[in-house]
């Protein structure tokens, strides 16, 4: 659920996992975010975007900081698979 108040969006998450949060953060960050918390529950929480006019976005990991949730994003290495599709064509009729 998204709520707009005072010109800023407030995002409410209900029953979200840490994997859901990592996926959300990945969409709004300049790099992938992976859940390394080990938390397996479902959580309700609210997030507010940073004031981009007063902060240096190049120095930030994401537009939606999670420190208010008691969590921290740390840069690191992740051994995962990245799939890159650089070309696609319609299949033949055969």
N, C-alpha and C. Protein backbone atom coordinates (compact mmCIF):
# COMPACT_ATOMS: atom_id res chain seq x y z
N UNK A 1 0.84 -1.17 0.00
CA UNK A 1 0.00 0.00 0.00
C UNK A 1 0.89 1.24 0.00
N UNK A 2 0.57 2.21 -0.82
CA UNK A 2 1.32 3.46 -0.88
C UNK A 2 0.41 4.59 -0.43
N UNK A 3 0.91 5.40 0.47
CA UNK A 3 0.14 6.50 1.00
C UNK A 3 0.94 7.78 0.76
N UNK A 4 0.29 8.82 0.23
CA UNK A 4 0.98 10.08 -0.03
C UNK A 4 0.56 11.09 1.04
N UNK A 5 1.53 11.65 1.73
CA UNK A 5 1.27 12.65 2.74
C UNK A 5 2.39 13.66 2.75
N UNK A 6 2.07 14.90 2.82
CA UNK A 6 3.06 15.99 2.83
C UNK A 6 3.95 15.93 1.58
N UNK A 7 3.39 15.46 0.46
CA UNK A 7 4.14 15.41 -0.78
C UNK A 7 5.11 14.25 -0.89
N UNK A 8 5.18 13.38 0.10
CA UNK A 8 6.09 12.23 0.07
C UNK A 8 5.30 10.92 0.16
N UNK A 9 5.77 9.93 -0.57
CA UNK A 9 5.13 8.61 -0.51
C UNK A 9 5.56 7.90 0.77
N UNK A 10 4.63 7.22 1.37
CA UNK A 10 4.91 6.37 2.52
C UNK A 10 4.48 4.97 2.10
N UNK A 11 5.38 4.02 2.16
CA UNK A 11 5.09 2.66 1.73
C UNK A 11 4.84 1.78 2.94
N UNK A 12 3.71 1.10 2.94
CA UNK A 12 3.37 0.18 4.02
C UNK A 12 3.49 -1.25 3.49
N UNK A 13 4.24 -2.08 4.16
CA UNK A 13 4.42 -3.48 3.79
C UNK A 13 3.72 -4.33 4.85
N UNK A 14 2.97 -5.32 4.39
CA UNK A 14 2.25 -6.21 5.30
C UNK A 14 2.63 -7.66 4.98
N UNK A 15 3.11 -8.39 5.95
CA UNK A 15 3.47 -9.78 5.76
C UNK A 15 4.65 -9.98 4.83
N UNK A 16 5.54 -9.00 4.77
CA UNK A 16 6.69 -9.06 3.87
C UNK A 16 7.84 -9.85 4.50
N UNK A 17 8.56 -10.57 3.67
CA UNK A 17 9.75 -11.28 4.12
C UNK A 17 10.97 -10.39 3.88
N UNK A 18 12.10 -10.78 4.42
CA UNK A 18 13.33 -10.04 4.16
C UNK A 18 13.74 -10.17 2.69
N UNK A 19 13.39 -11.29 2.07
CA UNK A 19 13.61 -11.46 0.63
C UNK A 19 12.79 -10.46 -0.17
N UNK A 20 11.54 -10.22 0.27
CA UNK A 20 10.70 -9.21 -0.38
C UNK A 20 11.34 -7.83 -0.26
N UNK A 21 11.84 -7.53 0.93
CA UNK A 21 12.49 -6.24 1.15
C UNK A 21 13.74 -6.10 0.28
N UNK A 22 14.54 -7.16 0.18
CA UNK A 22 15.75 -7.11 -0.65
C UNK A 22 15.37 -6.89 -2.11
N UNK A 23 14.33 -7.56 -2.59
CA UNK A 23 13.88 -7.38 -3.98
C UNK A 23 13.42 -5.95 -4.20
N UNK A 24 12.67 -5.40 -3.26
CA UNK A 24 12.21 -4.02 -3.36
C UNK A 24 13.40 -3.06 -3.41
N UNK A 25 14.35 -3.24 -2.50
CA UNK A 25 15.52 -2.37 -2.45
C UNK A 25 16.34 -2.47 -3.74
N UNK A 26 16.41 -3.66 -4.33
CA UNK A 26 17.16 -3.84 -5.57
C UNK A 26 16.59 -3.00 -6.69
N UNK A 27 15.27 -2.83 -6.70
CA UNK A 27 14.63 -2.04 -7.75
C UNK A 27 14.99 -0.56 -7.67
N UNK A 28 15.30 -0.08 -6.48
CA UNK A 28 15.55 1.35 -6.30
C UNK A 28 16.99 1.67 -5.93
N UNK A 29 17.89 0.71 -6.07
CA UNK A 29 19.28 0.98 -5.75
C UNK A 29 20.13 0.89 -7.01
N UNK A 30 21.36 1.27 -6.87
CA UNK A 30 22.27 1.22 -8.01
C UNK A 30 23.02 -0.10 -8.08
N UNK A 31 22.59 -1.09 -7.31
CA UNK A 31 23.20 -2.43 -7.33
C UNK A 31 22.23 -3.44 -6.73
N UNK A 32 22.47 -4.74 -6.98
CA UNK A 32 21.57 -5.76 -6.42
C UNK A 32 21.67 -5.81 -4.90
N UNK A 33 20.57 -6.14 -4.26
CA UNK A 33 20.51 -6.29 -2.81
C UNK A 33 20.09 -7.73 -2.52
N UNK A 34 20.84 -8.42 -1.67
CA UNK A 34 20.55 -9.81 -1.30
C UNK A 34 20.27 -9.89 0.19
N UNK A 35 19.29 -10.70 0.55
CA UNK A 35 18.95 -10.91 1.95
C UNK A 35 19.99 -11.83 2.59
N UNK A 36 20.73 -11.31 3.53
CA UNK A 36 21.71 -12.11 4.28
C UNK A 36 21.40 -12.06 5.77
N UNK A 37 20.14 -11.70 6.13
CA UNK A 37 19.78 -11.53 7.53
C UNK A 37 19.58 -12.86 8.26
N UNK A 38 19.12 -13.86 7.55
CA UNK A 38 18.78 -15.12 8.20
C UNK A 38 17.40 -15.09 8.85
N UNK A 39 16.69 -13.97 8.73
CA UNK A 39 15.35 -13.85 9.30
C UNK A 39 14.35 -14.52 8.38
N UNK A 40 13.47 -15.35 8.94
CA UNK A 40 12.55 -16.12 8.12
C UNK A 40 11.09 -15.74 8.30
N UNK A 41 10.80 -14.77 9.15
CA UNK A 41 9.42 -14.40 9.44
C UNK A 41 8.81 -13.48 8.40
N UNK A 42 7.57 -13.10 8.66
CA UNK A 42 6.84 -12.13 7.85
C UNK A 42 6.60 -10.91 8.73
N UNK A 43 6.82 -9.72 8.15
CA UNK A 43 6.83 -8.50 8.94
C UNK A 43 5.96 -7.42 8.32
N UNK A 44 5.41 -6.56 9.18
CA UNK A 44 4.70 -5.36 8.77
C UNK A 44 5.59 -4.18 9.11
N UNK A 45 5.81 -3.29 8.15
CA UNK A 45 6.64 -2.12 8.39
C UNK A 45 6.32 -1.01 7.39
N UNK A 46 6.82 0.17 7.68
CA UNK A 46 6.61 1.35 6.84
C UNK A 46 7.96 1.90 6.42
N UNK A 47 8.03 2.35 5.17
CA UNK A 47 9.27 2.95 4.66
C UNK A 47 8.96 4.30 4.02
N UNK A 48 9.88 5.22 4.21
CA UNK A 48 9.78 6.54 3.61
C UNK A 48 11.02 6.79 2.76
N UNK A 49 10.84 7.35 1.54
CA UNK A 49 12.01 7.62 0.71
C UNK A 49 12.85 8.74 1.30
N UNK A 50 14.14 8.72 0.97
CA UNK A 50 15.04 9.79 1.39
C UNK A 50 14.68 11.07 0.67
N UNK A 51 15.01 12.19 1.26
CA UNK A 51 14.87 13.48 0.60
C UNK A 51 16.04 13.60 -0.37
N UNK A 52 15.80 13.33 -1.64
CA UNK A 52 16.88 13.30 -2.63
C UNK A 52 17.44 14.68 -2.91
N UNK A 53 16.70 15.73 -2.59
CA UNK A 53 17.21 17.07 -2.87
C UNK A 53 18.34 17.47 -1.92
N UNK A 54 18.42 16.80 -0.77
CA UNK A 54 19.44 17.20 0.21
C UNK A 54 20.51 16.13 0.43
N UNK A 55 20.52 15.08 -0.40
CA UNK A 55 21.51 14.04 -0.17
C UNK A 55 22.24 13.70 -1.47
N UNK A 56 23.41 13.16 -1.33
CA UNK A 56 24.24 12.75 -2.45
C UNK A 56 23.88 11.32 -2.81
N UNK A 57 23.11 11.12 -3.87
CA UNK A 57 22.64 9.79 -4.23
C UNK A 57 23.78 8.87 -4.68
N UNK A 58 24.90 9.44 -5.15
CA UNK A 58 26.02 8.59 -5.54
C UNK A 58 26.62 7.88 -4.34
N UNK A 59 26.51 8.48 -3.16
CA UNK A 59 27.07 7.89 -1.95
C UNK A 59 26.11 6.95 -1.26
N UNK A 60 24.84 6.97 -1.67
CA UNK A 60 23.83 6.14 -1.02
C UNK A 60 23.66 4.82 -1.75
N UNK A 61 23.36 3.78 -1.01
CA UNK A 61 23.10 2.49 -1.63
C UNK A 61 21.70 2.42 -2.22
N UNK A 62 20.76 3.11 -1.61
CA UNK A 62 19.37 3.01 -2.04
C UNK A 62 18.61 4.28 -1.72
N UNK A 63 17.51 4.46 -2.39
CA UNK A 63 16.65 5.63 -2.17
C UNK A 63 15.76 5.44 -0.94
N UNK A 64 15.53 4.17 -0.56
CA UNK A 64 14.69 3.87 0.60
C UNK A 64 15.56 3.29 1.70
N UNK A 65 16.03 4.12 2.64
CA UNK A 65 16.92 3.62 3.69
C UNK A 65 16.19 2.69 4.66
N UNK A 66 16.90 1.68 5.13
CA UNK A 66 16.29 0.70 6.02
C UNK A 66 16.80 0.81 7.45
N UNK A 67 17.60 1.84 7.72
CA UNK A 67 18.13 1.99 9.08
C UNK A 67 17.03 2.22 10.10
N UNK A 68 15.90 2.82 9.68
CA UNK A 68 14.78 3.02 10.60
C UNK A 68 14.16 1.69 11.04
N UNK A 69 14.43 0.64 10.25
CA UNK A 69 13.91 -0.69 10.58
C UNK A 69 14.89 -1.48 11.45
N UNK A 70 16.04 -0.87 11.76
CA UNK A 70 17.06 -1.55 12.54
C UNK A 70 17.92 -2.46 11.67
N UNK A 71 17.87 -2.26 10.35
CA UNK A 71 18.66 -3.06 9.41
C UNK A 71 19.73 -2.17 8.78
N UNK A 72 20.69 -2.79 8.14
CA UNK A 72 21.79 -2.05 7.54
C UNK A 72 22.17 -2.70 6.21
N UNK A 73 22.37 -1.87 5.19
CA UNK A 73 22.88 -2.37 3.92
C UNK A 73 24.39 -2.23 3.92
N UNK A 74 25.07 -3.31 3.58
CA UNK A 74 26.53 -3.28 3.52
C UNK A 74 26.96 -3.78 2.15
N UNK A 75 27.90 -3.07 1.52
CA UNK A 75 28.42 -3.59 0.25
C UNK A 75 29.21 -4.86 0.50
N UNK A 76 29.14 -5.77 -0.43
CA UNK A 76 29.88 -7.01 -0.28
C UNK A 76 29.89 -7.79 -1.57
N UNK A 77 30.39 -8.98 -1.49
CA UNK A 77 30.44 -9.86 -2.66
C UNK A 77 29.41 -10.96 -2.48
N UNK A 78 28.79 -11.32 -3.56
CA UNK A 78 27.76 -12.35 -3.53
C UNK A 78 28.03 -13.32 -4.67
N UNK A 79 28.15 -14.57 -4.34
CA UNK A 79 28.39 -15.56 -5.39
C UNK A 79 27.06 -16.08 -5.88
N UNK A 80 26.57 -15.44 -6.89
CA UNK A 80 25.29 -15.84 -7.47
C UNK A 80 25.40 -15.84 -8.98
N UNK A 81 24.32 -16.20 -9.61
CA UNK A 81 24.28 -16.25 -11.06
C UNK A 81 23.58 -15.00 -11.57
N UNK A 82 24.18 -14.37 -12.56
CA UNK A 82 23.57 -13.23 -13.22
C UNK A 82 23.25 -13.64 -14.64
N UNK A 83 22.01 -13.49 -15.03
CA UNK A 83 21.57 -13.82 -16.37
C UNK A 83 21.46 -12.54 -17.17
N UNK A 84 22.18 -12.48 -18.27
CA UNK A 84 22.14 -11.32 -19.15
C UNK A 84 21.63 -11.76 -20.50
N UNK A 85 20.53 -11.17 -20.94
CA UNK A 85 19.99 -11.46 -22.26
C UNK A 85 20.35 -10.28 -23.15
N UNK A 86 21.24 -10.54 -24.12
CA UNK A 86 21.68 -9.44 -24.97
C UNK A 86 21.03 -9.46 -26.34
N UNK A 87 20.27 -10.53 -26.64
CA UNK A 87 19.60 -10.61 -27.94
C UNK A 87 18.47 -11.63 -27.84
N UNK A 88 17.37 -11.35 -28.51
CA UNK A 88 16.26 -12.30 -28.53
C UNK A 88 15.59 -12.21 -29.89
N UNK A 89 15.16 -13.35 -30.40
CA UNK A 89 14.47 -13.40 -31.68
C UNK A 89 13.22 -14.24 -31.53
N UNK A 90 12.26 -13.98 -32.42
CA UNK A 90 11.06 -14.78 -32.45
C UNK A 90 11.40 -16.18 -32.94
N UNK A 91 10.85 -17.24 -32.34
CA UNK A 91 11.19 -18.59 -32.79
C UNK A 91 10.63 -18.87 -34.18
N UNK A 92 11.29 -19.81 -34.89
CA UNK A 92 10.80 -20.25 -36.20
C UNK A 92 9.49 -21.00 -36.04
N UNK A 93 8.77 -21.13 -37.15
CA UNK A 93 7.50 -21.86 -37.14
C UNK A 93 7.73 -23.36 -36.94
N UNK A 94 8.94 -23.85 -37.18
CA UNK A 94 9.24 -25.28 -37.03
C UNK A 94 9.20 -25.62 -35.60
